[in-house]
N, C-alpha and C. Protein backbone atom coordinates (compact mmCIF):
# COMPACT_ATOMS: atom_id res chain seq x y z
N MET A 1 -18.77 59.52 -49.32
CA MET A 1 -19.69 59.12 -50.36
C MET A 1 -19.74 60.20 -51.45
N GLN A 2 -19.67 61.44 -51.04
CA GLN A 2 -19.74 62.52 -52.01
C GLN A 2 -18.51 62.57 -52.90
N SER A 3 -17.41 61.97 -52.46
CA SER A 3 -16.19 62.00 -53.26
C SER A 3 -16.10 60.85 -54.25
N ALA A 4 -17.07 59.95 -54.25
CA ALA A 4 -17.06 58.83 -55.20
C ALA A 4 -17.20 59.37 -56.62
N PRO A 5 -16.39 58.88 -57.55
CA PRO A 5 -16.41 59.41 -58.92
C PRO A 5 -17.76 59.28 -59.61
N TYR A 6 -18.47 58.21 -59.36
CA TYR A 6 -19.75 58.01 -60.04
C TYR A 6 -20.87 58.88 -59.45
N LEU A 7 -20.61 59.54 -58.35
CA LEU A 7 -21.60 60.45 -57.75
C LEU A 7 -21.17 61.91 -57.83
N SER A 8 -20.17 62.18 -58.67
CA SER A 8 -19.62 63.53 -58.75
C SER A 8 -20.61 64.55 -59.32
N ASP A 9 -21.56 64.10 -60.13
CA ASP A 9 -22.50 65.03 -60.75
C ASP A 9 -23.79 65.23 -59.93
N VAL A 10 -23.85 64.65 -58.73
CA VAL A 10 -25.04 64.77 -57.89
C VAL A 10 -25.03 66.12 -57.18
N ASN A 11 -26.16 66.80 -57.20
CA ASN A 11 -26.32 68.06 -56.49
C ASN A 11 -26.67 67.73 -55.04
N TRP A 12 -25.68 67.73 -54.16
CA TRP A 12 -25.87 67.29 -52.79
C TRP A 12 -26.74 68.24 -51.98
N ASP A 13 -26.75 69.51 -52.34
CA ASP A 13 -27.64 70.45 -51.65
C ASP A 13 -29.10 70.12 -51.94
N ALA A 14 -29.39 69.73 -53.19
CA ALA A 14 -30.76 69.34 -53.55
C ALA A 14 -31.15 68.04 -52.86
N VAL A 15 -30.20 67.13 -52.70
CA VAL A 15 -30.48 65.88 -51.98
C VAL A 15 -30.79 66.20 -50.52
N TYR A 16 -29.97 67.05 -49.92
CA TYR A 16 -30.17 67.42 -48.52
C TYR A 16 -31.51 68.12 -48.31
N ASP A 17 -31.89 68.98 -49.25
CA ASP A 17 -33.15 69.71 -49.15
C ASP A 17 -34.36 68.90 -49.60
N LYS A 18 -34.10 67.69 -50.09
CA LYS A 18 -35.13 66.77 -50.59
C LYS A 18 -35.94 67.38 -51.73
N THR A 19 -35.26 68.14 -52.59
CA THR A 19 -35.92 68.74 -53.75
C THR A 19 -35.55 68.01 -55.04
N MET A 20 -34.68 67.04 -54.95
CA MET A 20 -34.24 66.29 -56.12
C MET A 20 -35.24 65.18 -56.42
N ASP A 21 -35.57 64.99 -57.69
CA ASP A 21 -36.47 63.92 -58.08
C ASP A 21 -35.76 62.58 -57.96
N PRO A 22 -36.44 61.56 -57.44
CA PRO A 22 -35.81 60.25 -57.31
C PRO A 22 -35.56 59.63 -58.68
N GLY A 23 -34.52 58.82 -58.76
CA GLY A 23 -34.19 58.14 -60.00
C GLY A 23 -35.15 57.02 -60.33
N PHE A 24 -35.79 56.46 -59.31
CA PHE A 24 -36.72 55.35 -59.51
C PHE A 24 -37.85 55.49 -58.50
N VAL A 25 -39.08 55.40 -58.99
CA VAL A 25 -40.26 55.41 -58.12
C VAL A 25 -41.01 54.11 -58.39
N PRO A 26 -41.05 53.20 -57.42
CA PRO A 26 -41.71 51.92 -57.65
C PRO A 26 -43.23 52.07 -57.78
N ASN A 27 -43.81 51.19 -58.57
CA ASN A 27 -45.25 51.15 -58.75
C ASN A 27 -45.85 50.50 -57.51
N LYS A 28 -46.74 51.20 -56.82
CA LYS A 28 -47.31 50.68 -55.57
C LYS A 28 -48.21 49.48 -55.78
N GLY A 29 -48.75 49.31 -56.97
CA GLY A 29 -49.67 48.21 -57.22
C GLY A 29 -49.00 46.94 -57.71
N ARG A 30 -47.68 46.91 -57.70
CA ARG A 30 -46.97 45.77 -58.27
C ARG A 30 -45.89 45.29 -57.31
N LEU A 31 -45.69 43.97 -57.25
CA LEU A 31 -44.62 43.42 -56.43
C LEU A 31 -43.28 43.68 -57.08
N HIS A 32 -42.28 44.00 -56.29
CA HIS A 32 -40.95 44.24 -56.82
C HIS A 32 -39.96 43.22 -56.28
N CYS A 33 -40.48 42.06 -55.96
CA CYS A 33 -39.63 40.97 -55.49
C CYS A 33 -40.26 39.66 -55.93
N ASP A 34 -39.53 38.61 -55.76
CA ASP A 34 -40.02 37.30 -56.14
C ASP A 34 -40.83 36.72 -54.98
N PRO A 35 -42.15 36.57 -55.13
CA PRO A 35 -42.96 36.06 -54.02
C PRO A 35 -42.58 34.63 -53.63
N THR A 36 -42.02 33.89 -54.57
CA THR A 36 -41.60 32.52 -54.27
C THR A 36 -40.53 32.52 -53.18
N PHE A 37 -39.60 33.45 -53.28
CA PHE A 37 -38.54 33.55 -52.27
C PHE A 37 -39.13 33.81 -50.90
N GLU A 38 -40.08 34.74 -50.82
CA GLU A 38 -40.69 35.04 -49.52
C GLU A 38 -41.45 33.84 -48.97
N LEU A 39 -42.15 33.12 -49.84
CA LEU A 39 -42.87 31.93 -49.39
C LEU A 39 -41.90 30.87 -48.89
N GLU A 40 -40.81 30.66 -49.62
CA GLU A 40 -39.82 29.68 -49.18
C GLU A 40 -39.24 30.08 -47.83
N GLU A 41 -38.95 31.34 -47.66
CA GLU A 41 -38.38 31.79 -46.40
C GLU A 41 -39.38 31.62 -45.26
N MET A 42 -40.65 31.88 -45.52
CA MET A 42 -41.67 31.71 -44.48
C MET A 42 -41.79 30.25 -44.08
N ILE A 43 -41.59 29.36 -45.04
CA ILE A 43 -41.70 27.93 -44.74
C ILE A 43 -40.45 27.42 -44.04
N LEU A 44 -39.28 27.85 -44.52
CA LEU A 44 -38.02 27.29 -44.04
C LEU A 44 -37.47 27.98 -42.79
N GLU A 45 -37.75 29.24 -42.62
CA GLU A 45 -37.18 29.98 -41.50
C GLU A 45 -38.02 29.81 -40.24
N SER A 46 -37.34 29.77 -39.11
CA SER A 46 -38.08 29.69 -37.85
C SER A 46 -38.69 31.04 -37.49
N ARG A 47 -38.10 32.12 -38.04
CA ARG A 47 -38.63 33.47 -37.81
C ARG A 47 -38.89 34.11 -39.17
N PRO A 48 -40.05 33.92 -39.73
CA PRO A 48 -40.33 34.38 -41.10
C PRO A 48 -40.43 35.90 -41.24
N LEU A 49 -40.49 36.33 -42.50
CA LEU A 49 -40.50 37.75 -42.84
C LEU A 49 -41.66 38.52 -42.23
N HIS A 50 -42.84 37.90 -42.16
CA HIS A 50 -43.99 38.66 -41.69
C HIS A 50 -43.86 39.06 -40.22
N LYS A 51 -42.90 38.47 -39.52
CA LYS A 51 -42.67 38.86 -38.13
C LYS A 51 -41.40 39.71 -38.00
N LYS A 52 -40.77 40.02 -39.13
CA LYS A 52 -39.49 40.71 -39.10
C LYS A 52 -39.60 42.10 -38.47
N LYS A 53 -40.63 42.88 -38.85
CA LYS A 53 -40.78 44.23 -38.30
C LYS A 53 -40.93 44.19 -36.78
N LYS A 54 -41.75 43.27 -36.31
CA LYS A 54 -41.98 43.15 -34.88
C LYS A 54 -40.69 42.73 -34.16
N ARG A 55 -39.96 41.78 -34.78
CA ARG A 55 -38.72 41.31 -34.19
C ARG A 55 -37.67 42.43 -34.15
N LEU A 56 -37.57 43.22 -35.22
CA LEU A 56 -36.62 44.32 -35.25
C LEU A 56 -36.97 45.39 -34.22
N ALA A 57 -38.27 45.69 -34.09
CA ALA A 57 -38.71 46.69 -33.11
C ALA A 57 -38.38 46.22 -31.70
N LYS A 58 -38.57 44.94 -31.44
CA LYS A 58 -38.29 44.39 -30.12
C LYS A 58 -36.79 44.49 -29.82
N ASN A 59 -35.96 44.14 -30.80
CA ASN A 59 -34.51 44.22 -30.61
C ASN A 59 -34.07 45.67 -30.40
N ARG A 60 -34.66 46.59 -31.16
CA ARG A 60 -34.32 48.00 -31.03
C ARG A 60 -34.70 48.50 -29.64
N SER A 61 -35.87 48.09 -29.18
CA SER A 61 -36.34 48.49 -27.86
C SER A 61 -35.40 47.95 -26.77
N ARG A 62 -34.98 46.71 -26.93
CA ARG A 62 -34.08 46.10 -25.96
C ARG A 62 -32.73 46.82 -25.95
N ASP A 63 -32.21 47.15 -27.13
CA ASP A 63 -30.94 47.87 -27.23
C ASP A 63 -31.04 49.25 -26.59
N ASN A 64 -32.17 49.94 -26.83
CA ASN A 64 -32.36 51.27 -26.25
C ASN A 64 -32.43 51.21 -24.73
N SER A 65 -33.07 50.16 -24.20
CA SER A 65 -33.17 50.06 -22.74
C SER A 65 -31.80 49.79 -22.13
N LYS A 66 -30.95 49.01 -22.83
CA LYS A 66 -29.59 48.77 -22.34
C LYS A 66 -28.80 50.07 -22.32
N ASP A 67 -28.96 50.87 -23.39
CA ASP A 67 -28.26 52.15 -23.46
C ASP A 67 -28.71 53.08 -22.34
N SER A 68 -30.01 53.14 -22.09
CA SER A 68 -30.51 54.04 -21.05
C SER A 68 -30.07 53.56 -19.67
N GLN A 69 -29.96 52.24 -19.47
CA GLN A 69 -29.49 51.73 -18.19
C GLN A 69 -28.03 52.12 -17.96
N SER A 70 -27.21 52.02 -19.00
CA SER A 70 -25.80 52.37 -18.83
C SER A 70 -25.63 53.86 -18.59
N VAL A 71 -26.45 54.68 -19.23
CA VAL A 71 -26.40 56.12 -19.02
C VAL A 71 -26.83 56.45 -17.60
N SER A 72 -27.91 55.85 -17.13
CA SER A 72 -28.38 56.15 -15.78
C SER A 72 -27.38 55.67 -14.73
N THR A 73 -26.70 54.56 -15.00
CA THR A 73 -25.66 54.10 -14.08
C THR A 73 -24.51 55.09 -14.04
N ALA A 74 -24.11 55.59 -15.20
CA ALA A 74 -23.01 56.56 -15.27
C ALA A 74 -23.40 57.85 -14.54
N VAL A 75 -24.62 58.30 -14.70
CA VAL A 75 -25.09 59.51 -14.03
C VAL A 75 -25.11 59.30 -12.52
N ARG A 76 -25.59 58.14 -12.10
CA ARG A 76 -25.65 57.84 -10.66
C ARG A 76 -24.24 57.82 -10.07
N LEU A 77 -23.29 57.17 -10.75
CA LEU A 77 -21.91 57.12 -10.27
C LEU A 77 -21.29 58.52 -10.21
N TYR A 78 -21.59 59.31 -11.21
CA TYR A 78 -21.07 60.69 -11.23
C TYR A 78 -21.64 61.48 -10.05
N ASN A 79 -22.95 61.36 -9.84
CA ASN A 79 -23.60 62.10 -8.74
C ASN A 79 -23.06 61.67 -7.38
N GLU A 80 -22.74 60.38 -7.24
CA GLU A 80 -22.20 59.90 -5.97
C GLU A 80 -20.80 60.43 -5.73
N SER A 81 -20.05 60.65 -6.81
CA SER A 81 -18.67 61.12 -6.64
C SER A 81 -18.58 62.63 -6.41
N VAL A 82 -19.65 63.35 -6.72
CA VAL A 82 -19.63 64.82 -6.58
C VAL A 82 -20.00 65.24 -5.19
């Protein structure tokens, strides 16, 4: 990413240190999306946006538990072989 020509003038040390001012700061009191789209999606989708965070957290939790199960299985197999 740092080698992209359009990002050649970016001070990557300042980005890493989080001392660089952002190029855009959204207004907290204003919507930055089309509310009609969100309403349509809530009506048409079986899993609407307002449940998206919960759904993503649940999927993340499920993925993490699968990872921990595979790690514990690998550790158990290693311990049995030693």
